């Protein structure tokens, strides 16, 4: 049994197979295959390549290690670092803040729906 660390998962490459995913989660591969077949698997995307099922390793890393990422700076810290003026949620403010590295607030970020 392999000890699955972040580095070990990253070393798998861009995608991995279902038995490896089952090993990472510590469950039987038949359990994962059954959930995918019934449409109940929501932990990651599943790519169907011919008869093979592949899972993006980036999805696994995001699921397992999302809490380890550094928190975004608060709005007041970003405003202090920004030379181009105060932040606003309007879309025309975004290009002027790309150079300074400031981020628009979380409510302004558009994310795709899972499974879409």
PDB file of N, CA and C in Angstrom:
ATOM      1  N   UNK A   1       0.842  -1.178   0.000  1.00  0.00           N
ATOM      2  CA  UNK A   1       0.000   0.000   0.000  1.00  0.00           C
ATOM      3  C   UNK A   1       0.888   1.242   0.000  1.00  0.00           C
ATOM      4  N   UNK A   2       0.610   2.152  -0.902  1.00  0.00           N
ATOM      5  CA  UNK A   2       1.393   3.367  -1.047  1.00  0.00           C
ATOM      6  C   UNK A   2       0.876   4.448  -0.097  1.00  0.00           C
ATOM      7  N   UNK A   3       1.804   5.163   0.513  1.00  0.00           N
ATOM      8  CA  UNK A   3       1.427   6.326   1.312  1.00  0.00           C
ATOM      9  C   UNK A   3       1.213   7.477   0.342  1.00  0.00           C
ATOM     10  N   UNK A   4      -0.023   7.929   0.222  1.00  0.00           N
ATOM     11  CA  UNK A   4      -0.345   8.948  -0.765  1.00  0.00           C
ATOM     12  C   UNK A   4      -0.128  10.341  -0.189  1.00  0.00           C
ATOM     13  N   UNK A   5       0.957  10.946  -0.601  1.00  0.00           N
ATOM     14  CA  UNK A   5       1.257  12.328  -0.235  1.00  0.00           C
ATOM     15  C   UNK A   5       0.920  13.221  -1.422  1.00  0.00           C
ATOM     16  N   UNK A   6       0.956  14.502  -1.187  1.00  0.00           N
ATOM     17  CA  UNK A   6       0.708  15.451  -2.273  1.00  0.00           C
ATOM     18  C   UNK A   6       1.696  15.235  -3.421  1.00  0.00           C
ATOM     19  N   UNK A   7       2.963  15.020  -3.080  1.00  0.00           N
ATOM     20  CA  UNK A   7       3.992  14.821  -4.099  1.00  0.00           C
ATOM     21  C   UNK A   7       3.752  13.533  -4.880  1.00  0.00           C
ATOM     22  N   UNK A   8       3.299  12.481  -4.192  1.00  0.00           N
ATOM     23  CA  UNK A   8       3.026  11.214  -4.873  1.00  0.00           C
ATOM     24  C   UNK A   8       1.856  11.356  -5.847  1.00  0.00           C
ATOM     25  N   UNK A   9       0.844  12.113  -5.476  1.00  0.00           N
ATOM     26  CA  UNK A   9      -0.300  12.323  -6.366  1.00  0.00           C
ATOM     27  C   UNK A   9       0.121  13.180  -7.556  1.00  0.00           C
ATOM     28  N   UNK A  10       0.908  14.229  -7.316  1.00  0.00           N
ATOM     29  CA  UNK A  10       1.387  15.069  -8.414  1.00  0.00           C
ATOM     30  C   UNK A  10       2.238  14.276  -9.399  1.00  0.00           C
ATOM     31  N   UNK A  11       2.985  13.280  -8.894  1.00  0.00           N
ATOM     32  CA  UNK A  11       3.855  12.473  -9.738  1.00  0.00           C
ATOM     33  C   UNK A  11       3.076  11.529 -10.659  1.00  0.00           C
ATOM     34  N   UNK A  12       1.778  11.365 -10.433  1.00  0.00           N
ATOM     35  CA  UNK A  12       0.970  10.490 -11.274  1.00  0.00           C
ATOM     36  C   UNK A  12       0.800  11.032 -12.689  1.00  0.00           C
ATOM     37  N   UNK A  13       0.995  12.315 -12.869  1.00  0.00           N
ATOM     38  CA  UNK A  13       0.778  12.920 -14.177  1.00  0.00           C
ATOM     39  C   UNK A  13      -0.565  13.629 -14.208  1.00  0.00           C
ATOM     40  N   UNK A  14      -1.022  14.018 -15.395  1.00  0.00           N
ATOM     41  CA  UNK A  14      -2.255  14.811 -15.489  1.00  0.00           C
ATOM     42  C   UNK A  14      -3.529  14.033 -15.152  1.00  0.00           C
ATOM     43  N   UNK A  15      -3.548  12.727 -15.420  1.00  0.00           N
ATOM     44  CA  UNK A  15      -4.715  11.907 -15.097  1.00  0.00           C
ATOM     45  C   UNK A  15      -4.266  10.592 -14.485  1.00  0.00           C
ATOM     46  N   UNK A  16      -5.194   9.941 -13.799  1.00  0.00           N
ATOM     47  CA  UNK A  16      -4.913   8.626 -13.220  1.00  0.00           C
ATOM     48  C   UNK A  16      -6.133   7.740 -13.400  1.00  0.00           C
ATOM     49  N   UNK A  17      -5.982   6.471 -13.071  1.00  0.00           N
ATOM     50  CA  UNK A  17      -7.080   5.531 -13.263  1.00  0.00           C
ATOM     51  C   UNK A  17      -7.893   5.357 -11.978  1.00  0.00           C
ATOM     52  N   UNK A  18      -9.023   4.678 -12.104  1.00  0.00           N
ATOM     53  CA  UNK A  18      -9.941   4.504 -10.980  1.00  0.00           C
ATOM     54  C   UNK A  18      -9.332   3.664  -9.848  1.00  0.00           C
ATOM     55  N   UNK A  19      -8.626   2.562 -10.131  1.00  0.00           N
ATOM     56  CA  UNK A  19      -8.024   1.827  -9.006  1.00  0.00           C
ATOM     57  C   UNK A  19      -7.060   2.673  -8.174  1.00  0.00           C
ATOM     58  N   UNK A  20      -6.326   3.576  -8.820  1.00  0.00           N
ATOM     59  CA  UNK A  20      -5.417   4.464  -8.079  1.00  0.00           C
ATOM     60  C   UNK A  20      -6.207   5.448  -7.229  1.00  0.00           C
ATOM     61  N   UNK A  21      -7.295   5.990  -7.787  1.00  0.00           N
ATOM     62  CA  UNK A  21      -8.149   6.906  -7.022  1.00  0.00           C
ATOM     63  C   UNK A  21      -8.720   6.186  -5.800  1.00  0.00           C
ATOM     64  N   UNK A  22      -9.162   4.953  -5.989  1.00  0.00           N
ATOM     65  CA  UNK A  22      -9.700   4.177  -4.869  1.00  0.00           C
ATOM     66  C   UNK A  22      -8.632   3.972  -3.798  1.00  0.00           C
ATOM     67  N   UNK A  23      -7.403   3.710  -4.221  1.00  0.00           N
ATOM     68  CA  UNK A  23      -6.306   3.542  -3.270  1.00  0.00           C
ATOM     69  C   UNK A  23      -6.038   4.833  -2.498  1.00  0.00           C
ATOM     70  N   UNK A  24      -6.098   5.959  -3.186  1.00  0.00           N
ATOM     71  CA  UNK A  24      -5.870   7.257  -2.538  1.00  0.00           C
ATOM     72  C   UNK A  24      -6.923   7.506  -1.465  1.00  0.00           C
ATOM     73  N   UNK A  25      -8.186   7.181  -1.774  1.00  0.00           N
ATOM     74  CA  UNK A  25      -9.274   7.387  -0.820  1.00  0.00           C
ATOM     75  C   UNK A  25      -9.409   6.255   0.197  1.00  0.00           C
ATOM     76  N   UNK A  26      -8.682   5.156  -0.030  1.00  0.00           N
ATOM     77  CA  UNK A  26      -8.728   4.042   0.904  1.00  0.00           C
ATOM     78  C   UNK A  26      -9.997   3.216   0.824  1.00  0.00           C
ATOM     79  N   UNK A  27     -10.573   3.097  -0.388  1.00  0.00           N
ATOM     80  CA  UNK A  27     -11.779   2.295  -0.587  1.00  0.00           C
ATOM     81  C   UNK A  27     -11.529   1.272  -1.690  1.00  0.00           C
ATOM     82  N   UNK A  28     -12.449   0.348  -1.834  1.00  0.00           N
ATOM     83  CA  UNK A  28     -12.345  -0.657  -2.869  1.00  0.00           C
ATOM     84  C   UNK A  28     -12.627  -0.038  -4.233  1.00  0.00           C
ATOM     85  N   UNK A  29     -11.902  -0.464  -5.257  1.00  0.00           N
ATOM     86  CA  UNK A  29     -12.092   0.103  -6.600  1.00  0.00           C
ATOM     87  C   UNK A  29     -13.499  -0.158  -7.124  1.00  0.00           C
ATOM     88  N   UNK A  30     -14.110  -1.295  -6.744  1.00  0.00           N
ATOM     89  CA  UNK A  30     -15.470  -1.598  -7.186  1.00  0.00           C
ATOM     90  C   UNK A  30     -16.477  -0.588  -6.640  1.00  0.00           C
ATOM     91  N   UNK A  31     -16.210  -0.052  -5.467  1.00  0.00           N
ATOM     92  CA  UNK A  31     -17.072   0.972  -4.878  1.00  0.00           C
ATOM     93  C   UNK A  31     -17.048   2.229  -5.733  1.00  0.00           C
ATOM     94  N   UNK A  32     -15.866   2.640  -6.153  1.00  0.00           N
ATOM     95  CA  UNK A  32     -15.736   3.842  -6.982  1.00  0.00           C
ATOM     96  C   UNK A  32     -16.369   3.603  -8.345  1.00  0.00           C
ATOM     97  N   UNK A  33     -16.087   2.453  -8.968  1.00  0.00           N
ATOM     98  CA  UNK A  33     -16.692   2.138 -10.269  1.00  0.00           C
ATOM     99  C   UNK A  33     -18.224   2.147 -10.175  1.00  0.00           C
ATOM    100  N   UNK A  34     -18.779   1.588  -9.102  1.00  0.00           N
ATOM    101  CA  UNK A  34     -20.234   1.544  -8.936  1.00  0.00           C
ATOM    102  C   UNK A  34     -20.814   2.950  -8.795  1.00  0.00           C
ATOM    103  N   UNK A  35     -20.138   3.809  -8.026  1.00  0.00           N
ATOM    104  CA  UNK A  35     -20.631   5.187  -7.876  1.00  0.00           C
ATOM    105  C   UNK A  35     -20.586   5.935  -9.205  1.00  0.00           C
ATOM    106  N   UNK A  36     -19.537   5.725  -9.972  1.00  0.00           N
ATOM    107  CA  UNK A  36     -19.438   6.384 -11.275  1.00  0.00           C
ATOM    108  C   UNK A  36     -20.556   5.886 -12.183  1.00  0.00           C
ATOM    109  N   UNK A  37     -20.784   4.583 -12.209  1.00  0.00           N
ATOM    110  CA  UNK A  37     -21.807   3.987 -13.071  1.00  0.00           C
ATOM    111  C   UNK A  37     -23.199   4.508 -12.709  1.00  0.00           C
ATOM    112  N   UNK A  38     -23.476   4.669 -11.400  1.00  0.00           N
ATOM    113  CA  UNK A  38     -24.783   5.157 -10.962  1.00  0.00           C
ATOM    114  C   UNK A  38     -24.902   6.680 -11.021  1.00  0.00           C
ATOM    115  N   UNK A  39     -23.832   7.368 -11.374  1.00  0.00           N
ATOM    116  CA  UNK A  39     -23.866   8.830 -11.433  1.00  0.00           C
ATOM    117  C   UNK A  39     -23.781   9.491 -10.077  1.00  0.00           C
ATOM    118  N   UNK A  40     -23.299   8.776  -9.074  1.00  0.00           N
ATOM    119  CA  UNK A  40     -23.210   9.299  -7.711  1.00  0.00           C
ATOM    120  C   UNK A  40     -21.843   9.873  -7.377  1.00  0.00           C
ATOM    121  N   UNK A  41     -20.845   9.648  -8.208  1.00  0.00           N
ATOM    122  CA  UNK A  41     -19.482  10.125  -7.925  1.00  0.00           C
ATOM    123  C   UNK A  41     -19.414  11.622  -8.174  1.00  0.00           C
ATOM    124  N   UNK A  42     -19.196  12.387  -7.122  1.00  0.00           N
ATOM    125  CA  UNK A  42     -19.124  13.836  -7.247  1.00  0.00           C
ATOM    126  C   UNK A  42     -17.821  14.407  -6.719  1.00  0.00           C
ATOM    127  N   UNK A  43     -16.910  13.557  -6.292  1.00  0.00           N
ATOM    128  CA  UNK A  43     -15.658  14.028  -5.709  1.00  0.00           C
ATOM    129  C   UNK A  43     -14.759  14.682  -6.752  1.00  0.00           C
ATOM    130  N   UNK A  44     -14.743  14.142  -7.961  1.00  0.00           N
ATOM    131  CA  UNK A  44     -13.893  14.654  -9.038  1.00  0.00           C
ATOM    132  C   UNK A  44     -14.624  14.505 -10.361  1.00  0.00           C
ATOM    133  N   UNK A  45     -14.026  15.080 -11.389  1.00  0.00           N
ATOM    134  CA  UNK A  45     -14.529  14.811 -12.739  1.00  0.00           C
ATOM    135  C   UNK A  45     -14.064  13.421 -13.145  1.00  0.00           C
ATOM    136  N   UNK A  46     -14.799  12.801 -14.047  1.00  0.00           N
ATOM    137  CA  UNK A  46     -14.408  11.506 -14.595  1.00  0.00           C
ATOM    138  C   UNK A  46     -14.402  11.660 -16.107  1.00  0.00           C
ATOM    139  N   UNK A  47     -13.261  11.380 -16.708  1.00  0.00           N
ATOM    140  CA  UNK A  47     -13.122  11.486 -18.157  1.00  0.00           C
ATOM    141  C   UNK A  47     -13.264  10.097 -18.763  1.00  0.00           C
ATOM    142  N   UNK A  48     -14.136   9.964 -19.749  1.00  0.00           N
ATOM    143  CA  UNK A  48     -14.298   8.703 -20.438  1.00  0.00           C
ATOM    144  C   UNK A  48     -13.493   8.765 -21.725  1.00  0.00           C
ATOM    145  N   UNK A  49     -12.473   7.936 -21.808  1.00  0.00           N
ATOM    146  CA  UNK A  49     -11.604   7.883 -22.988  1.00  0.00           C
ATOM    147  C   UNK A  49     -11.738   6.486 -23.583  1.00  0.00           C
ATOM    148  N   UNK A  50     -12.667   6.368 -24.540  1.00  0.00           N
ATOM    149  CA  UNK A  50     -12.978   5.056 -25.076  1.00  0.00           C
ATOM    150  C   UNK A  50     -13.668   4.245 -23.988  1.00  0.00           C
ATOM    151  N   UNK A  51     -13.080   3.110 -23.628  1.00  0.00           N
ATOM    152  CA  UNK A  51     -13.624   2.283 -22.541  1.00  0.00           C
ATOM    153  C   UNK A  51     -12.949   2.576 -21.218  1.00  0.00           C
ATOM    154  N   UNK A  52     -11.951   3.444 -21.223  1.00  0.00           N
ATOM    155  CA  UNK A  52     -11.197   3.730 -20.000  1.00  0.00           C
ATOM    156  C   UNK A  52     -11.774   4.947 -19.283  1.00  0.00           C
ATOM    157  N   UNK A  53     -11.745   4.883 -17.977  1.00  0.00           N
ATOM    158  CA  UNK A  53     -12.152   6.011 -17.144  1.00  0.00           C
ATOM    159  C   UNK A  53     -10.903   6.609 -16.517  1.00  0.00           C
ATOM    160  N   UNK A  54     -10.749   7.901 -16.653  1.00  0.00           N
ATOM    161  CA  UNK A  54      -9.600   8.604 -16.082  1.00  0.00           C
ATOM    162  C   UNK A  54     -10.092   9.738 -15.196  1.00  0.00           C
ATOM    163  N   UNK A  55      -9.316  10.023 -14.165  1.00  0.00           N
ATOM    164  CA  UNK A  55      -9.629  11.097 -13.222  1.00  0.00           C
ATOM    165  C   UNK A  55      -8.479  12.095 -13.233  1.00  0.00           C
ATOM    166  N   UNK A  56      -8.768  13.393 -13.433  1.00  0.00           N
ATOM    167  CA  UNK A  56      -7.704  14.393 -13.391  1.00  0.00           C
ATOM    168  C   UNK A  56      -7.080  14.485 -12.000  1.00  0.00           C
ATOM    169  N   UNK A  57      -5.767  14.419 -11.943  1.00  0.00           N
ATOM    170  CA  UNK A  57      -5.092  14.504 -10.653  1.00  0.00           C
ATOM    171  C   UNK A  57      -5.257  15.891 -10.032  1.00  0.00           C
ATOM    172  N   UNK A  58      -5.440  16.918 -10.849  1.00  0.00           N
ATOM    173  CA  UNK A  58      -5.652  18.264 -10.323  1.00  0.00           C
ATOM    174  C   UNK A  58      -6.918  18.297  -9.469  1.00  0.00           C
ATOM    175  N   UNK A  59      -7.956  17.559  -9.874  1.00  0.00           N
ATOM    176  CA  UNK A  59      -9.183  17.495  -9.079  1.00  0.00           C
ATOM    177  C   UNK A  59      -8.920  16.846  -7.723  1.00  0.00           C
ATOM    178  N   UNK A  60      -8.106  15.799  -7.718  1.00  0.00           N
ATOM    179  CA  UNK A  60      -7.764  15.139  -6.460  1.00  0.00           C
ATOM    180  C   UNK A  60      -7.002  16.089  -5.542  1.00  0.00           C
ATOM    181  N   UNK A  61      -6.034  16.803  -6.104  1.00  0.00           N
ATOM    182  CA  UNK A  61      -5.242  17.739  -5.303  1.00  0.00           C
ATOM    183  C   UNK A  61      -6.113  18.861  -4.755  1.00  0.00           C
ATOM    184  N   UNK A  62      -7.021  19.379  -5.595  1.00  0.00           N
ATOM    185  CA  UNK A  62      -7.912  20.440  -5.132  1.00  0.00           C
ATOM    186  C   UNK A  62      -8.818  19.948  -4.010  1.00  0.00           C
ATOM    187  N   UNK A  63      -9.291  18.720  -4.130  1.00  0.00           N
ATOM    188  CA  UNK A  63     -10.181  18.164  -3.117  1.00  0.00           C
ATOM    189  C   UNK A  63      -9.452  17.885  -1.808  1.00  0.00           C
ATOM    190  N   UNK A  64      -8.283  17.291  -1.895  1.00  0.00           N
ATOM    191  CA  UNK A  64      -7.570  16.861  -0.697  1.00  0.00           C
ATOM    192  C   UNK A  64      -6.739  17.951  -0.033  1.00  0.00           C
ATOM    193  N   UNK A  65      -6.242  18.895  -0.806  1.00  0.00           N
ATOM    194  CA  UNK A  65      -5.298  19.875  -0.258  1.00  0.00           C
ATOM    195  C   UNK A  65      -5.748  21.319  -0.422  1.00  0.00           C
ATOM    196  N   UNK A  66      -7.016  21.561  -0.638  1.00  0.00           N
ATOM    197  CA  UNK A  66      -7.504  22.930  -0.815  1.00  0.00           C
ATOM    198  C   UNK A  66      -7.320  23.759   0.446  1.00  0.00           C
ATOM    199  N   UNK A  67      -7.405  23.144   1.597  1.00  0.00           N
ATOM    200  CA  UNK A  67      -7.280  23.880   2.859  1.00  0.00           C
ATOM    201  C   UNK A  67      -5.856  24.351   3.110  1.00  0.00           C
ATOM    202  N   UNK A  68      -4.875  23.773   2.409  1.00  0.00           N
ATOM    203  CA  UNK A  68      -3.480  24.156   2.633  1.00  0.00           C
ATOM    204  C   UNK A  68      -3.067  25.409   1.875  1.00  0.00           C
ATOM    205  N   UNK A  69      -3.882  25.852   0.932  1.00  0.00           N
ATOM    206  CA  UNK A  69      -3.511  27.038   0.179  1.00  0.00           C
ATOM    207  C   UNK A  69      -3.591  28.256   1.072  1.00  0.00           C
ATOM    208  N   UNK A  70      -2.749  29.225   0.793  1.00  0.00           N
ATOM    209  CA  UNK A  70      -2.704  30.442   1.605  1.00  0.00           C
ATOM    210  C   UNK A  70      -3.968  31.260   1.378  1.00  0.00           C
ATOM    211  N   UNK A  71      -4.500  31.870   2.430  1.00  0.00           N
ATOM    212  CA  UNK A  71      -5.693  32.695   2.258  1.00  0.00           C
ATOM    213  C   UNK A  71      -5.367  33.958   1.455  1.00  0.00           C
ATOM    214  N   UNK A  72      -6.346  34.427   0.712  1.00  0.00           N
ATOM    215  CA  UNK A  72      -6.171  35.650  -0.075  1.00  0.00           C
ATOM    216  C   UNK A  72      -6.063  36.836   0.876  1.00  0.00           C
ATOM    217  N   UNK A  73      -5.281  37.850   0.497  1.00  0.00           N
ATOM    218  CA  UNK A  73      -5.172  39.018   1.373  1.00  0.00           C
ATOM    219  C   UNK A  73      -6.511  39.718   1.510  1.00  0.00           C
ATOM    220  N   UNK A  74      -6.725  40.329   2.662  1.00  0.00           N
ATOM    221  CA  UNK A  74      -7.985  41.036   2.857  1.00  0.00           C
ATOM    222  C   UNK A  74      -8.040  42.247   1.936  1.00  0.00           C
ATOM    223  N   UNK A  75      -9.233  42.781   1.751  1.00  0.00           N
ATOM    224  CA  UNK A  75      -9.423  43.890   0.828  1.00  0.00           C
ATOM    225  C   UNK A  75      -8.578  45.097   1.228  1.00  0.00           C
ATOM    226  N   UNK A  76      -8.476  45.384   2.503  1.00  0.00           N
ATOM    227  CA  UNK A  76      -7.712  46.546   2.929  1.00  0.00           C
ATOM    228  C   UNK A  76      -6.214  46.359   2.640  1.00  0.00           C
ATOM    229  N   UNK A  77      -5.690  45.135   2.807  1.00  0.00           N
ATOM    230  CA  UNK A  77      -4.283  44.880   2.483  1.00  0.00           C
ATOM    231  C   UNK A  77      -4.039  45.046   0.991  1.00  0.00           C
ATOM    232  N   UNK A  78      -4.962  44.548   0.173  1.00  0.00           N
ATOM    233  CA  UNK A  78      -4.816  44.662  -1.276  1.00  0.00           C
ATOM    234  C   UNK A  78      -4.862  46.122  -1.703  1.00  0.00           C
ATOM    235  N   UNK A  79      -5.741  46.902  -1.077  1.00  0.00           N
ATOM    236  CA  UNK A  79      -5.822  48.319  -1.423  1.00  0.00           C
ATOM    237  C   UNK A  79      -4.538  49.045  -1.042  1.00  0.00           C
ATOM    238  N   UNK A  80      -3.916  48.663   0.067  1.00  0.00           N
ATOM    239  CA  UNK A  80      -2.672  49.308   0.481  1.00  0.00           C
ATOM    240  C   UNK A  80      -1.547  48.982  -0.492  1.00  0.00           C
ATOM    241  N   UNK A  81      -1.541  47.771  -1.057  1.00  0.00           N
ATOM    242  CA  UNK A  81      -0.497  47.365  -1.982  1.00  0.00           C
ATOM    243  C   UNK A  81      -0.729  47.898  -3.388  1.00  0.00           C
ATOM    244  N   UNK A  82      -1.937  48.283  -3.700  1.00  0.00           N
ATOM    245  CA  UNK A  82      -2.299  48.676  -5.062  1.00  0.00           C
ATOM    246  C   UNK A  82      -2.008  50.153  -5.301  1.00  0.00           C
ATOM    247  N   UNK A  83      -1.320  50.437  -6.397  1.00  0.00           N
ATOM    248  CA  UNK A  83      -0.994  51.815  -6.731  1.00  0.00           C
ATOM    249  C   UNK A  83      -2.021  52.438  -7.660  1.00  0.00           C
ATOM    250  N   UNK A  84      -2.948  51.634  -8.200  1.00  0.00           N
ATOM    251  CA  UNK A  84      -3.878  52.178  -9.195  1.00  0.00           C
ATOM    252  C   UNK A  84      -5.217  52.606  -8.609  1.00  0.00           C
ATOM    253  N   UNK A  85      -5.325  52.705  -7.307  1.00  0.00           N
ATOM    254  CA  UNK A  85      -6.539  53.249  -6.725  1.00  0.00           C
ATOM    255  C   UNK A  85      -7.370  52.219  -5.990  1.00  0.00           C
ATOM    256  N   UNK A  86      -8.514  52.654  -5.470  1.00  0.00           N
ATOM    257  CA  UNK A  86      -9.361  51.763  -4.684  1.00  0.00           C
ATOM    258  C   UNK A  86      -9.981  50.666  -5.549  1.00  0.00           C
ATOM    259  N   UNK A  87     -10.305  49.554  -4.902  1.00  0.00           N
ATOM    260  CA  UNK A  87     -10.922  48.434  -5.595  1.00  0.00           C
ATOM    261  C   UNK A  87     -12.417  48.660  -5.702  1.00  0.00           C
ATOM    262  N   UNK A  88     -12.949  48.202  -6.785  1.00  0.00           N
ATOM    263  CA  UNK A  88     -14.398  48.224  -6.944  1.00  0.00           C
ATOM    264  C   UNK A  88     -14.813  46.951  -7.650  1.00  0.00           C
ATOM    265  N   UNK A  89     -16.018  46.470  -7.419  1.00  0.00           N
ATOM    266  CA  UNK A  89     -16.443  45.219  -8.034  1.00  0.00           C
ATOM    267  C   UNK A  89     -16.793  45.340  -9.510  1.00  0.00           C
ATOM    268  N   UNK A  90     -16.717  46.535 -10.069  1.00  0.00           N
ATOM    269  CA  UNK A  90     -17.084  46.686 -11.476  1.00  0.00           C
ATOM    270  C   UNK A  90     -16.057  46.016 -12.375  1.00  0.00           C
ATOM    271  N   UNK A  91     -16.515  45.566 -13.519  1.00  0.00           N
ATOM    272  CA  UNK A  91     -15.641  44.822 -14.420  1.00  0.00           C
ATOM    273  C   UNK A  91     -14.576  45.707 -15.057  1.00  0.00           C
ATOM    274  N   UNK A  92     -14.801  47.025 -15.159  1.00  0.00           N
ATOM    275  CA  UNK A  92     -13.800  47.891 -15.776  1.00  0.00           C
ATOM    276  C   UNK A  92     -12.598  48.118 -14.855  1.00  0.00           C
ATOM    277  N   UNK A  93     -12.716  47.807 -13.566  1.00  0.00           N
ATOM    278  CA  UNK A  93     -11.595  47.974 -12.644  1.00  0.00           C
ATOM    279  C   UNK A  93     -10.612  46.809 -12.721  1.00  0.00           C
ATOM    280  N   UNK A  94     -11.061  45.686 -13.230  1.00  0.00           N
ATOM    281  CA  UNK A  94     -10.233  44.490 -13.234  1.00  0.00           C
ATOM    282  C   UNK A  94      -8.940  44.655 -14.023  1.00  0.00           C
ATOM    283  N   UNK A  95      -8.953  45.159 -15.277  1.00  0.00           N
ATOM    284  CA  UNK A  95      -7.699  45.246 -16.018  1.00  0.00           C
ATOM    285  C   UNK A  95      -6.655  46.129 -15.338  1.00  0.00           C
ATOM    286  N   UNK A  96      -7.064  47.189 -14.673  1.00  0.00           N
ATOM    287  CA  UNK A  96      -6.092  48.069 -14.043  1.00  0.00           C
ATOM    288  C   UNK A  96      -5.432  47.412 -12.830  1.00  0.00           C
ATOM    289  N   UNK A  97      -6.039  46.371 -12.284  1.00  0.00           N
ATOM    290  CA  UNK A  97      -5.488  45.716 -11.112  1.00  0.00           C
ATOM    291  C   UNK A  97      -4.704  44.454 -11.464  1.00  0.00           C
ATOM    292  N   UNK A  98      -4.666  44.084 -12.703  1.00  0.00           N
ATOM    293  CA  UNK A  98      -3.909  42.892 -13.093  1.00  0.00           C
ATOM    294  C   UNK A  98      -2.413  43.134 -12.894  1.00  0.00           C
ATOM    295  N   UNK A  99      -1.919  44.308 -13.215  1.00  0.00           N
ATOM    296  CA  UNK A  99      -0.498  44.601 -13.085  1.00  0.00           C
ATOM    297  C   UNK A  99      -0.034  44.600 -11.635  1.00  0.00           C
ATOM    298  N   UNK A 100      -0.877  45.042 -10.725  1.00  0.00           N
ATOM    299  CA  UNK A 100      -0.461  45.135  -9.327  1.00  0.00           C
ATOM    300  C   UNK A 100      -0.638  43.824  -8.572  1.00  0.00           C
ATOM    301  N   UNK A 101      -1.360  42.865  -9.153  1.00  0.00           N
ATOM    302  CA  UNK A 101      -1.540  41.582  -8.510  1.00  0.00           C
ATOM    303  C   UNK A 101      -2.701  41.532  -7.543  1.00  0.00           C
ATOM    304  N   UNK A 102      -3.460  42.584  -7.456  1.00  0.00           N
ATOM    305  CA  UNK A 102      -4.624  42.589  -6.565  1.00  0.00           C
ATOM    306  C   UNK A 102      -5.690  41.671  -7.126  1.00  0.00           C
ATOM    307  N   UNK A 103      -6.540  41.179  -6.245  1.00  0.00           N
ATOM    308  CA  UNK A 103      -7.599  40.269  -6.650  1.00  0.00           C
ATOM    309  C   UNK A 103      -8.944  40.912  -6.388  1.00  0.00           C
ATOM    310  N   UNK A 104      -9.862  40.635  -7.278  1.00  0.00           N
ATOM    311  CA  UNK A 104     -11.230  41.085  -7.069  1.00  0.00           C
ATOM    312  C   UNK A 104     -11.824  40.200  -5.992  1.00  0.00           C
ATOM    313  N   UNK A 105     -12.756  40.710  -5.221  1.00  0.00           N
ATOM    314  CA  UNK A 105     -13.361  39.948  -4.134  1.00  0.00           C
ATOM    315  C   UNK A 105     -13.933  38.614  -4.588  1.00  0.00           C
ATOM    316  N   UNK A 106     -14.068  37.688  -3.661  1.00  0.00           N
ATOM    317  CA  UNK A 106     -14.554  36.344  -3.971  1.00  0.00           C
ATOM    318  C   UNK A 106     -15.908  36.361  -4.664  1.00  0.00           C
ATOM    319  N   UNK A 107     -16.773  37.320  -4.351  1.00  0.00           N
ATOM    320  CA  UNK A 107     -18.100  37.334  -4.949  1.00  0.00           C
ATOM    321  C   UNK A 107     -18.047  37.641  -6.445  1.00  0.00           C
ATOM    322  N   UNK A 108     -16.950  38.207  -6.909  1.00  0.00           N
ATOM    323  CA  UNK A 108     -16.844  38.568  -8.314  1.00  0.00           C
ATOM    324  C   UNK A 108     -16.209  37.477  -9.157  1.00  0.00           C
ATOM    325  N   UNK A 109     -15.764  36.382  -8.546  1.00  0.00           N
ATOM    326  CA  UNK A 109     -15.122  35.307  -9.267  1.00  0.00           C
ATOM    327  C   UNK A 109     -16.170  34.379  -9.829  1.00  0.00           C
ATOM    328  N   UNK A 110     -16.076  34.070 -11.112  1.00  0.00           N
ATOM    329  CA  UNK A 110     -17.015  33.171 -11.772  1.00  0.00           C
ATOM    330  C   UNK A 110     -16.349  31.822 -11.901  1.00  0.00           C
ATOM    331  N   UNK A 111     -16.995  30.799 -11.359  1.00  0.00           N
ATOM    332  CA  UNK A 111     -16.458  29.443 -11.423  1.00  0.00           C
ATOM    333  C   UNK A 111     -17.435  28.568 -12.178  1.00  0.00           C
ATOM    334  N   UNK A 112     -16.925  27.618 -12.988  1.00  0.00           N
ATOM    335  CA  UNK A 112     -17.840  26.718 -13.695  1.00  0.00           C
ATOM    336  C   UNK A 112     -18.519  25.757 -12.725  1.00  0.00           C
ATOM    337  N   UNK A 113     -19.697  25.311 -13.090  1.00  0.00           N
ATOM    338  CA  UNK A 113     -20.402  24.344 -12.273  1.00  0.00           C
ATOM    339  C   UNK A 113     -19.720  23.000 -12.347  1.00  0.00           C
ATOM    340  N   UNK A 114     -19.693  22.282 -11.268  1.00  0.00           N
ATOM    341  CA  UNK A 114     -19.065  20.955 -11.264  1.00  0.00           C
ATOM    342  C   UNK A 114     -19.909  20.031 -12.120  1.00  0.00           C
ATOM    343  N   UNK A 115     -19.236  19.308 -13.003  1.00  0.00           N
ATOM    344  CA  UNK A 115     -19.912  18.352 -13.870  1.00  0.00           C
ATOM    345  C   UNK A 115     -20.465  18.973 -15.138  1.00  0.00           C
ATOM    346  N   UNK A 116     -20.302  20.276 -15.311  1.00  0.00           N
ATOM    347  CA  UNK A 116     -20.810  20.918 -16.527  1.00  0.00           C
ATOM    348  C   UNK A 116     -19.779  20.953 -17.611  1.00  0.00           C
TER     349      UNK A 116
END
